[in-house]
């Protein structure tokens, strides 16, 4: 068991692990843009928030890919954890909106509520403008909609983070 913990802990120091994190999260962002522009599925505000959380994972991995040291890994781990956790919470709220017994009371905002210093929907409207309806759930795969899949995806990212970080702690190498 100690060998497995050490191997996972060591892998976090290699750029290849951060490349996997970067590539998978970037692939999901590209898929989101395909759903938006290729399939005509307009993202709602909850989708935009989830997209933003996924970009947090992309950027967290990119930081470590550019410069891999203890300091950047600390920020990489922090960004990964916060983004995956926040993305899961937003996806969960989206699922709650979609499954509410009274959809009249289950609604979401129309304009993204980004901080005044980070108006992504104004800077990059092609990526961050919310033009869809939170109650629209026509896309399905294996009997689950996009919000349900995103909940699973963000949970998986967070579980992997927790395993890797726990191995780092047990191996006495937090960053």
N, C-alpha and C. Protein backbone atom coordinates (compact mmCIF):
# COMPACT_ATOMS: atom_id res chain seq x y z
N UNK A 1 0.83 -1.20 0.00
CA UNK A 1 0.00 0.00 0.00
C UNK A 1 0.87 1.26 0.00
N UNK A 2 1.95 1.22 0.78
CA UNK A 2 2.85 2.37 0.86
C UNK A 2 3.43 2.70 -0.52
N UNK A 3 3.69 1.65 -1.32
CA UNK A 3 4.24 1.86 -2.66
C UNK A 3 3.27 2.56 -3.59
N UNK A 4 1.99 2.22 -3.48
CA UNK A 4 0.96 2.86 -4.31
C UNK A 4 0.83 4.33 -3.93
N UNK A 5 0.80 4.58 -2.63
CA UNK A 5 0.70 5.97 -2.15
C UNK A 5 1.89 6.78 -2.64
N UNK A 6 3.07 6.20 -2.54
CA UNK A 6 4.28 6.91 -2.99
C UNK A 6 4.24 7.15 -4.50
N UNK A 7 3.78 6.16 -5.26
CA UNK A 7 3.71 6.31 -6.72
C UNK A 7 2.76 7.42 -7.13
N UNK A 8 1.59 7.44 -6.50
CA UNK A 8 0.62 8.50 -6.81
C UNK A 8 1.17 9.86 -6.41
N UNK A 9 1.81 9.90 -5.24
CA UNK A 9 2.41 11.14 -4.76
C UNK A 9 3.48 11.63 -5.72
N UNK A 10 4.32 10.74 -6.19
CA UNK A 10 5.40 11.11 -7.12
C UNK A 10 4.85 11.57 -8.46
N UNK A 11 3.77 10.92 -8.92
CA UNK A 11 3.22 11.26 -10.23
C UNK A 11 2.74 12.71 -10.25
N UNK A 12 2.31 13.23 -9.10
CA UNK A 12 1.85 14.62 -9.04
C UNK A 12 2.97 15.61 -9.29
N UNK A 13 4.21 15.15 -9.20
CA UNK A 13 5.35 16.03 -9.47
C UNK A 13 5.74 16.04 -10.94
N UNK A 14 5.18 15.12 -11.71
CA UNK A 14 5.50 15.02 -13.14
C UNK A 14 4.52 15.84 -13.97
N UNK A 15 5.05 16.46 -14.99
CA UNK A 15 4.19 17.25 -15.87
C UNK A 15 3.14 16.40 -16.57
N UNK A 16 3.42 15.12 -16.76
CA UNK A 16 2.46 14.26 -17.46
C UNK A 16 1.13 14.19 -16.73
N UNK A 17 1.14 14.18 -15.40
CA UNK A 17 -0.12 14.14 -14.66
C UNK A 17 -0.91 15.43 -14.84
N UNK A 18 -0.21 16.53 -14.84
CA UNK A 18 -0.87 17.82 -15.03
C UNK A 18 -1.32 17.99 -16.48
N UNK A 19 -0.60 17.35 -17.41
CA UNK A 19 -1.02 17.36 -18.81
C UNK A 19 -2.33 16.60 -18.98
N UNK A 20 -2.48 15.48 -18.28
CA UNK A 20 -3.73 14.72 -18.34
C UNK A 20 -4.88 15.58 -17.82
N UNK A 21 -4.66 16.25 -16.69
CA UNK A 21 -5.68 17.14 -16.13
C UNK A 21 -6.02 18.26 -17.11
N UNK A 22 -5.01 18.87 -17.68
CA UNK A 22 -5.20 19.96 -18.65
C UNK A 22 -5.95 19.46 -19.88
N UNK A 23 -5.50 18.34 -20.44
CA UNK A 23 -6.08 17.83 -21.69
C UNK A 23 -7.54 17.42 -21.51
N UNK A 24 -7.85 16.75 -20.41
CA UNK A 24 -9.24 16.31 -20.21
C UNK A 24 -10.17 17.50 -19.98
N UNK A 25 -9.73 18.46 -19.19
CA UNK A 25 -10.60 19.62 -18.93
C UNK A 25 -10.73 20.50 -20.17
N UNK A 26 -9.66 20.64 -20.92
CA UNK A 26 -9.74 21.41 -22.16
C UNK A 26 -10.63 20.70 -23.18
N UNK A 27 -10.55 19.38 -23.24
CA UNK A 27 -11.42 18.62 -24.15
C UNK A 27 -12.89 18.84 -23.79
N UNK A 28 -13.20 18.91 -22.51
CA UNK A 28 -14.58 19.17 -22.10
C UNK A 28 -15.01 20.58 -22.48
N UNK A 29 -14.10 21.53 -22.41
CA UNK A 29 -14.43 22.89 -22.85
C UNK A 29 -14.69 22.94 -24.36
N UNK A 30 -13.88 22.22 -25.11
CA UNK A 30 -14.08 22.15 -26.56
C UNK A 30 -15.41 21.47 -26.87
N UNK A 31 -15.73 20.42 -26.12
CA UNK A 31 -17.01 19.74 -26.30
C UNK A 31 -18.17 20.69 -26.01
N UNK A 32 -18.03 21.51 -24.97
CA UNK A 32 -19.08 22.48 -24.64
C UNK A 32 -19.30 23.46 -25.78
N UNK A 33 -18.20 23.91 -26.38
CA UNK A 33 -18.33 24.83 -27.52
C UNK A 33 -18.95 24.13 -28.73
N UNK A 34 -18.66 22.84 -28.90
CA UNK A 34 -19.29 22.07 -29.97
C UNK A 34 -20.80 21.97 -29.72
N UNK A 35 -21.18 21.66 -28.47
CA UNK A 35 -22.60 21.59 -28.14
C UNK A 35 -23.27 22.93 -28.43
N UNK A 36 -22.58 24.03 -28.13
CA UNK A 36 -23.15 25.36 -28.32
C UNK A 36 -23.24 25.73 -29.79
N UNK A 37 -22.13 25.59 -30.51
CA UNK A 37 -22.10 26.08 -31.90
C UNK A 37 -22.36 24.99 -32.93
N UNK A 38 -21.98 23.77 -32.67
CA UNK A 38 -22.21 22.69 -33.62
C UNK A 38 -23.61 22.12 -33.54
N UNK A 39 -24.12 22.01 -32.32
CA UNK A 39 -25.44 21.40 -32.11
C UNK A 39 -26.52 22.44 -31.81
N UNK A 40 -26.13 23.70 -31.63
CA UNK A 40 -27.11 24.75 -31.39
C UNK A 40 -27.73 24.75 -30.00
N UNK A 41 -27.08 24.12 -29.02
CA UNK A 41 -27.58 24.11 -27.65
C UNK A 41 -27.04 25.34 -26.92
N UNK A 42 -27.88 26.29 -26.69
CA UNK A 42 -27.46 27.54 -26.07
C UNK A 42 -27.26 27.33 -24.56
N UNK A 43 -26.13 27.78 -24.03
CA UNK A 43 -25.87 27.59 -22.60
C UNK A 43 -26.67 28.55 -21.73
N UNK A 44 -27.15 28.03 -20.62
CA UNK A 44 -27.84 28.88 -19.64
C UNK A 44 -26.82 29.42 -18.65
N UNK A 45 -27.27 30.20 -17.72
CA UNK A 45 -26.37 30.80 -16.74
C UNK A 45 -25.66 29.74 -15.91
N UNK A 46 -26.36 28.66 -15.56
CA UNK A 46 -25.74 27.59 -14.78
C UNK A 46 -24.67 26.88 -15.62
N UNK A 47 -24.93 26.73 -16.90
CA UNK A 47 -23.94 26.14 -17.81
C UNK A 47 -22.69 27.02 -17.88
N UNK A 48 -22.91 28.32 -17.94
CA UNK A 48 -21.78 29.27 -18.00
C UNK A 48 -20.96 29.20 -16.72
N UNK A 49 -21.62 29.11 -15.58
CA UNK A 49 -20.88 28.98 -14.32
C UNK A 49 -20.08 27.68 -14.28
N UNK A 50 -20.68 26.60 -14.79
CA UNK A 50 -19.96 25.33 -14.84
C UNK A 50 -18.79 25.41 -15.82
N UNK A 51 -19.01 26.09 -16.91
CA UNK A 51 -17.94 26.30 -17.89
C UNK A 51 -16.79 27.08 -17.26
N UNK A 52 -17.14 28.10 -16.48
CA UNK A 52 -16.13 28.89 -15.79
C UNK A 52 -15.33 28.02 -14.81
N UNK A 53 -16.03 27.16 -14.08
CA UNK A 53 -15.35 26.26 -13.14
C UNK A 53 -14.41 25.32 -13.89
N UNK A 54 -14.83 24.84 -15.04
CA UNK A 54 -13.97 23.94 -15.82
C UNK A 54 -12.74 24.70 -16.32
N UNK A 55 -12.92 25.96 -16.71
CA UNK A 55 -11.75 26.76 -17.10
C UNK A 55 -10.80 26.97 -15.91
N UNK A 56 -11.35 26.97 -14.70
CA UNK A 56 -10.51 27.03 -13.52
C UNK A 56 -9.59 25.82 -13.43
N UNK A 57 -10.11 24.65 -13.78
CA UNK A 57 -9.29 23.43 -13.79
C UNK A 57 -8.26 23.51 -14.91
N UNK A 58 -8.68 23.98 -16.08
CA UNK A 58 -7.75 24.14 -17.21
C UNK A 58 -6.59 25.04 -16.80
N UNK A 59 -6.89 26.19 -16.24
CA UNK A 59 -5.84 27.15 -15.86
C UNK A 59 -4.98 26.63 -14.71
N UNK A 60 -5.57 25.91 -13.78
CA UNK A 60 -4.79 25.35 -12.67
C UNK A 60 -3.75 24.37 -13.18
N UNK A 61 -4.13 23.53 -14.12
CA UNK A 61 -3.19 22.58 -14.70
C UNK A 61 -2.15 23.30 -15.56
N UNK A 62 -2.59 24.32 -16.29
CA UNK A 62 -1.67 25.06 -17.16
C UNK A 62 -0.57 25.75 -16.36
N UNK A 63 -0.90 26.27 -15.20
CA UNK A 63 0.10 26.92 -14.34
C UNK A 63 1.25 25.95 -14.06
N UNK A 64 0.91 24.72 -13.72
CA UNK A 64 1.94 23.73 -13.39
C UNK A 64 2.67 23.27 -14.64
N UNK A 65 1.97 23.20 -15.76
CA UNK A 65 2.64 22.81 -17.00
C UNK A 65 3.68 23.84 -17.43
N UNK A 66 3.39 25.10 -17.20
CA UNK A 66 4.32 26.17 -17.58
C UNK A 66 5.55 26.16 -16.67
N UNK A 67 5.33 26.04 -15.37
CA UNK A 67 6.44 26.03 -14.41
C UNK A 67 6.09 25.05 -13.29
N UNK A 68 6.75 23.92 -13.26
CA UNK A 68 6.44 22.86 -12.30
C UNK A 68 7.38 22.94 -11.10
N UNK A 69 6.88 23.52 -10.02
CA UNK A 69 7.62 23.52 -8.76
C UNK A 69 6.61 23.49 -7.62
N UNK A 70 7.08 23.44 -6.39
CA UNK A 70 6.19 23.35 -5.24
C UNK A 70 5.21 24.50 -5.15
N UNK A 71 5.65 25.70 -5.48
CA UNK A 71 4.80 26.88 -5.41
C UNK A 71 3.66 26.80 -6.43
N UNK A 72 3.98 26.47 -7.69
CA UNK A 72 2.94 26.39 -8.71
C UNK A 72 2.02 25.19 -8.48
N UNK A 73 2.59 24.08 -7.98
CA UNK A 73 1.74 22.93 -7.66
C UNK A 73 0.75 23.28 -6.56
N UNK A 74 1.18 24.09 -5.58
CA UNK A 74 0.27 24.52 -4.52
C UNK A 74 -0.93 25.26 -5.14
N UNK A 75 -0.66 26.19 -6.04
CA UNK A 75 -1.74 26.91 -6.72
C UNK A 75 -2.54 25.98 -7.63
N UNK A 76 -1.85 25.04 -8.27
CA UNK A 76 -2.54 24.07 -9.12
C UNK A 76 -3.52 23.22 -8.32
N UNK A 77 -3.06 22.70 -7.19
CA UNK A 77 -3.93 21.90 -6.33
C UNK A 77 -5.10 22.73 -5.81
N UNK A 78 -4.81 23.95 -5.36
CA UNK A 78 -5.85 24.81 -4.82
C UNK A 78 -6.91 25.13 -5.89
N UNK A 79 -6.45 25.53 -7.08
CA UNK A 79 -7.39 25.85 -8.16
C UNK A 79 -8.18 24.64 -8.60
N UNK A 80 -7.54 23.49 -8.65
CA UNK A 80 -8.20 22.24 -9.03
C UNK A 80 -9.31 21.92 -8.03
N UNK A 81 -8.99 21.96 -6.74
CA UNK A 81 -9.96 21.62 -5.70
C UNK A 81 -11.14 22.59 -5.69
N UNK A 82 -10.83 23.89 -5.70
CA UNK A 82 -11.90 24.90 -5.65
C UNK A 82 -12.78 24.81 -6.90
N UNK A 83 -12.17 24.68 -8.06
CA UNK A 83 -12.93 24.64 -9.31
C UNK A 83 -13.79 23.39 -9.40
N UNK A 84 -13.24 22.24 -9.03
CA UNK A 84 -14.02 21.00 -9.08
C UNK A 84 -15.15 21.03 -8.06
N UNK A 85 -14.87 21.54 -6.86
CA UNK A 85 -15.90 21.63 -5.83
C UNK A 85 -16.99 22.61 -6.21
N UNK A 86 -16.59 23.78 -6.69
CA UNK A 86 -17.56 24.79 -7.10
C UNK A 86 -18.39 24.30 -8.29
N UNK A 87 -17.72 23.67 -9.26
CA UNK A 87 -18.43 23.13 -10.41
C UNK A 87 -19.46 22.09 -10.01
N UNK A 88 -19.09 21.22 -9.05
CA UNK A 88 -20.04 20.22 -8.57
C UNK A 88 -21.25 20.89 -7.93
N UNK A 89 -21.03 21.89 -7.10
CA UNK A 89 -22.13 22.58 -6.43
C UNK A 89 -23.06 23.24 -7.45
N UNK A 90 -22.48 23.89 -8.45
CA UNK A 90 -23.30 24.54 -9.48
C UNK A 90 -24.07 23.50 -10.29
N UNK A 91 -23.41 22.41 -10.66
CA UNK A 91 -24.10 21.34 -11.41
C UNK A 91 -25.23 20.75 -10.58
N UNK A 92 -24.98 20.59 -9.29
CA UNK A 92 -26.01 20.06 -8.39
C UNK A 92 -27.21 21.01 -8.33
N UNK A 93 -26.95 22.31 -8.23
CA UNK A 93 -28.03 23.30 -8.23
C UNK A 93 -28.80 23.25 -9.55
N UNK A 94 -28.07 23.05 -10.64
CA UNK A 94 -28.72 22.97 -11.95
C UNK A 94 -29.64 21.75 -12.01
N UNK A 95 -29.18 20.62 -11.50
CA UNK A 95 -30.02 19.42 -11.47
C UNK A 95 -31.25 19.68 -10.60
N UNK A 96 -31.07 20.37 -9.47
CA UNK A 96 -32.20 20.69 -8.61
C UNK A 96 -33.22 21.57 -9.33
N UNK A 97 -32.74 22.52 -10.11
CA UNK A 97 -33.65 23.37 -10.89
C UNK A 97 -34.43 22.53 -11.90
N UNK A 98 -33.73 21.62 -12.57
CA UNK A 98 -34.36 20.79 -13.59
C UNK A 98 -35.37 19.80 -13.01
N UNK A 99 -35.17 19.38 -11.79
CA UNK A 99 -36.03 18.35 -11.20
C UNK A 99 -37.00 18.93 -10.16
N UNK A 100 -37.10 20.24 -10.10
CA UNK A 100 -37.99 20.88 -9.11
C UNK A 100 -39.43 20.50 -9.40
N UNK A 101 -40.19 20.30 -8.34
CA UNK A 101 -41.60 19.92 -8.51
C UNK A 101 -42.43 21.05 -9.10
N UNK A 102 -42.04 22.29 -8.84
CA UNK A 102 -42.74 23.43 -9.40
C UNK A 102 -41.72 24.30 -10.15
N UNK A 103 -41.60 24.12 -11.47
CA UNK A 103 -40.59 24.85 -12.23
C UNK A 103 -40.79 26.37 -12.22
N UNK A 104 -41.98 26.85 -11.85
CA UNK A 104 -42.21 28.28 -11.79
C UNK A 104 -41.30 28.94 -10.75
N UNK A 105 -41.06 28.24 -9.64
CA UNK A 105 -40.22 28.77 -8.58
C UNK A 105 -38.76 28.38 -8.73
N UNK A 106 -38.48 27.50 -9.66
CA UNK A 106 -37.11 27.05 -9.89
C UNK A 106 -36.57 27.73 -11.14
N UNK A 107 -35.97 28.85 -10.95
CA UNK A 107 -35.42 29.58 -12.09
C UNK A 107 -34.01 30.02 -11.77
N UNK A 108 -33.36 30.57 -12.76
CA UNK A 108 -32.00 31.06 -12.54
C UNK A 108 -31.88 32.45 -13.14
N UNK A 109 -30.76 33.07 -12.86
CA UNK A 109 -30.51 34.42 -13.36
C UNK A 109 -30.42 34.42 -14.87
N UNK A 110 -30.47 35.61 -15.44
CA UNK A 110 -30.36 35.75 -16.89
C UNK A 110 -28.96 36.24 -17.26
N UNK A 111 -28.42 37.15 -16.47
CA UNK A 111 -27.10 37.73 -16.72
C UNK A 111 -26.12 37.15 -15.70
N UNK A 112 -24.95 36.71 -16.15
CA UNK A 112 -23.97 36.16 -15.21
C UNK A 112 -23.60 37.17 -14.12
N UNK A 113 -23.40 36.66 -12.93
CA UNK A 113 -23.05 37.49 -11.78
C UNK A 113 -21.55 37.36 -11.50
N UNK A 114 -20.74 37.74 -12.48
CA UNK A 114 -19.30 37.74 -12.31
C UNK A 114 -18.88 38.97 -11.53
N UNK A 115 -17.74 38.92 -10.85
CA UNK A 115 -17.26 40.13 -10.15
C UNK A 115 -17.05 41.28 -11.13
N UNK A 116 -17.14 42.50 -10.63
CA UNK A 116 -17.02 43.67 -11.50
C UNK A 116 -15.67 43.73 -12.22
N UNK A 117 -14.64 43.13 -11.63
CA UNK A 117 -13.30 43.14 -12.23
C UNK A 117 -13.08 41.95 -13.18
N UNK A 118 -14.12 41.10 -13.34
CA UNK A 118 -13.97 39.91 -14.19
C UNK A 118 -15.26 39.68 -14.98
N UNK A 119 -15.59 40.59 -15.84
CA UNK A 119 -16.83 40.52 -16.61
C UNK A 119 -16.65 39.66 -17.87
N UNK A 120 -16.48 38.36 -17.65
CA UNK A 120 -16.19 37.44 -18.75
C UNK A 120 -17.27 37.46 -19.83
N UNK A 121 -18.53 37.59 -19.44
CA UNK A 121 -19.62 37.59 -20.41
C UNK A 121 -19.58 38.81 -21.32
N UNK A 122 -18.91 39.87 -20.89
CA UNK A 122 -18.74 41.05 -21.73
C UNK A 122 -17.46 40.97 -22.55
N UNK A 123 -16.40 40.41 -21.96
CA UNK A 123 -15.10 40.32 -22.64
C UNK A 123 -15.11 39.24 -23.72
N UNK A 124 -15.71 38.08 -23.42
CA UNK A 124 -15.75 36.96 -24.35
C UNK A 124 -17.18 36.42 -24.45
N UNK A 125 -18.08 37.19 -25.06
CA UNK A 125 -19.48 36.75 -25.11
C UNK A 125 -19.68 35.45 -25.90
N UNK A 126 -18.82 35.16 -26.85
CA UNK A 126 -18.96 33.92 -27.62
C UNK A 126 -18.77 32.68 -26.74
N UNK A 127 -18.09 32.84 -25.61
CA UNK A 127 -17.83 31.71 -24.71
C UNK A 127 -18.66 31.81 -23.43
N UNK A 128 -18.86 33.03 -22.91
CA UNK A 128 -19.45 33.19 -21.59
C UNK A 128 -20.82 33.87 -21.55
N UNK A 129 -21.42 34.17 -22.69
CA UNK A 129 -22.76 34.76 -22.69
C UNK A 129 -23.79 33.66 -22.47
N UNK A 130 -24.72 33.91 -21.57
CA UNK A 130 -25.78 32.94 -21.26
C UNK A 130 -27.01 33.28 -22.08
N UNK A 131 -27.29 32.47 -23.09
CA UNK A 131 -28.42 32.73 -23.98
C UNK A 131 -29.51 31.68 -23.85
N UNK A 132 -29.26 30.63 -23.09
CA UNK A 132 -30.20 29.53 -22.98
C UNK A 132 -31.07 29.61 -21.73
N UNK A 133 -31.95 28.64 -21.63
CA UNK A 133 -32.89 28.53 -20.52
C UNK A 133 -32.43 27.39 -19.60
N UNK A 134 -32.38 27.65 -18.31
CA UNK A 134 -31.94 26.64 -17.34
C UNK A 134 -32.85 25.41 -17.30
N UNK A 135 -34.08 25.54 -17.75
CA UNK A 135 -35.01 24.42 -17.72
C UNK A 135 -34.96 23.58 -18.99
N UNK A 136 -34.17 23.99 -19.96
CA UNK A 136 -34.04 23.24 -21.22
C UNK A 136 -33.10 22.06 -20.98
N UNK A 137 -33.60 20.85 -21.24
CA UNK A 137 -32.82 19.64 -20.95
C UNK A 137 -33.08 18.58 -22.02
N UNK A 138 -32.99 18.97 -23.29
CA UNK A 138 -33.31 18.02 -24.36
C UNK A 138 -32.18 17.05 -24.66
N UNK A 139 -30.93 17.47 -24.49
CA UNK A 139 -29.81 16.58 -24.77
C UNK A 139 -29.73 15.53 -23.68
N UNK A 140 -29.69 14.27 -24.07
CA UNK A 140 -29.60 13.17 -23.12
C UNK A 140 -28.58 12.15 -23.63
N UNK A 141 -27.87 11.55 -22.69
CA UNK A 141 -26.98 10.44 -23.00
C UNK A 141 -27.09 9.45 -21.85
N UNK A 142 -27.42 8.21 -22.16
CA UNK A 142 -27.65 7.18 -21.15
C UNK A 142 -28.67 7.64 -20.11
N UNK A 143 -29.72 8.26 -20.59
CA UNK A 143 -30.85 8.72 -19.78
C UNK A 143 -30.50 9.83 -18.78
N UNK A 144 -29.39 10.51 -19.01
CA UNK A 144 -29.02 11.64 -18.14
C UNK A 144 -28.75 12.86 -19.01
N UNK A 145 -29.14 14.01 -18.47
CA UNK A 145 -28.91 15.27 -19.17
C UNK A 145 -27.53 15.83 -18.89
N UNK A 146 -27.24 16.95 -19.52
CA UNK A 146 -25.93 17.58 -19.39
C UNK A 146 -25.59 17.95 -17.95
N UNK A 147 -26.52 18.50 -17.22
CA UNK A 147 -26.25 18.90 -15.83
C UNK A 147 -25.89 17.69 -14.97
N UNK A 148 -26.59 16.59 -15.18
CA UNK A 148 -26.29 15.37 -14.42
C UNK A 148 -24.90 14.84 -14.76
N UNK A 149 -24.54 14.88 -16.04
CA UNK A 149 -23.21 14.44 -16.44
C UNK A 149 -22.14 15.35 -15.87
N UNK A 150 -22.41 16.65 -15.86
CA UNK A 150 -21.42 17.57 -15.30
C UNK A 150 -21.25 17.36 -13.80
N UNK A 151 -22.31 17.00 -13.13
CA UNK A 151 -22.22 16.70 -11.70
C UNK A 151 -21.27 15.51 -11.50
N UNK A 152 -21.41 14.48 -12.31
CA UNK A 152 -20.54 13.30 -12.22
C UNK A 152 -19.10 13.67 -12.57
N UNK A 153 -18.93 14.46 -13.62
CA UNK A 153 -17.59 14.84 -14.06
C UNK A 153 -16.87 15.66 -12.99
N UNK A 154 -17.55 16.66 -12.44
CA UNK A 154 -16.91 17.47 -11.40
C UNK A 154 -16.64 16.63 -10.14
N UNK A 155 -17.53 15.71 -9.82
CA UNK A 155 -17.30 14.82 -8.67
C UNK A 155 -16.06 13.97 -8.92
N UNK A 156 -15.91 13.47 -10.14
CA UNK A 156 -14.74 12.66 -10.48
C UNK A 156 -13.46 13.48 -10.36
N UNK A 157 -13.48 14.70 -10.86
CA UNK A 157 -12.31 15.57 -10.72
C UNK A 157 -11.98 15.80 -9.25
N UNK A 158 -13.00 15.99 -8.43
CA UNK A 158 -12.74 16.25 -7.02
C UNK A 158 -12.23 15.00 -6.30
N UNK A 159 -12.79 13.84 -6.62
CA UNK A 159 -12.33 12.59 -6.00
C UNK A 159 -10.88 12.32 -6.37
N UNK A 160 -10.53 12.52 -7.64
CA UNK A 160 -9.13 12.32 -8.06
C UNK A 160 -8.23 13.30 -7.32
N UNK A 161 -8.66 14.56 -7.21
CA UNK A 161 -7.88 15.53 -6.43
C UNK A 161 -7.68 15.02 -5.01
N UNK A 162 -8.76 14.59 -4.35
CA UNK A 162 -8.69 14.15 -2.96
C UNK A 162 -7.73 12.97 -2.80
N UNK A 163 -7.76 12.03 -3.73
CA UNK A 163 -6.86 10.88 -3.66
C UNK A 163 -5.41 11.32 -3.82
N UNK A 164 -5.15 12.13 -4.85
CA UNK A 164 -3.79 12.59 -5.10
C UNK A 164 -3.28 13.42 -3.93
N UNK A 165 -4.09 14.33 -3.44
CA UNK A 165 -3.64 15.20 -2.36
C UNK A 165 -3.45 14.39 -1.07
N UNK A 166 -4.33 13.44 -0.80
CA UNK A 166 -4.16 12.59 0.38
C UNK A 166 -2.86 11.79 0.28
N UNK A 167 -2.55 11.28 -0.89
CA UNK A 167 -1.29 10.56 -1.08
C UNK A 167 -0.10 11.48 -0.86
N UNK A 168 -0.22 12.73 -1.30
CA UNK A 168 0.86 13.70 -1.08
C UNK A 168 1.06 13.94 0.42
N UNK A 169 -0.02 14.08 1.15
CA UNK A 169 0.06 14.30 2.60
C UNK A 169 0.66 13.07 3.29
N UNK A 170 0.15 11.89 2.94
CA UNK A 170 0.66 10.66 3.56
C UNK A 170 2.13 10.41 3.22
N UNK A 171 2.54 10.89 2.06
CA UNK A 171 3.94 10.74 1.64
C UNK A 171 4.79 11.92 2.12
N UNK A 172 4.15 12.79 2.92
CA UNK A 172 4.80 13.97 3.52
C UNK A 172 5.35 14.94 2.47
N UNK A 173 4.58 15.10 1.39
CA UNK A 173 4.94 16.04 0.32
C UNK A 173 3.66 16.77 -0.11
N UNK A 174 3.18 17.71 0.69
CA UNK A 174 1.90 18.34 0.35
C UNK A 174 1.90 19.04 -1.01
N UNK A 175 3.04 19.59 -1.43
CA UNK A 175 3.03 20.28 -2.72
C UNK A 175 4.21 19.78 -3.51
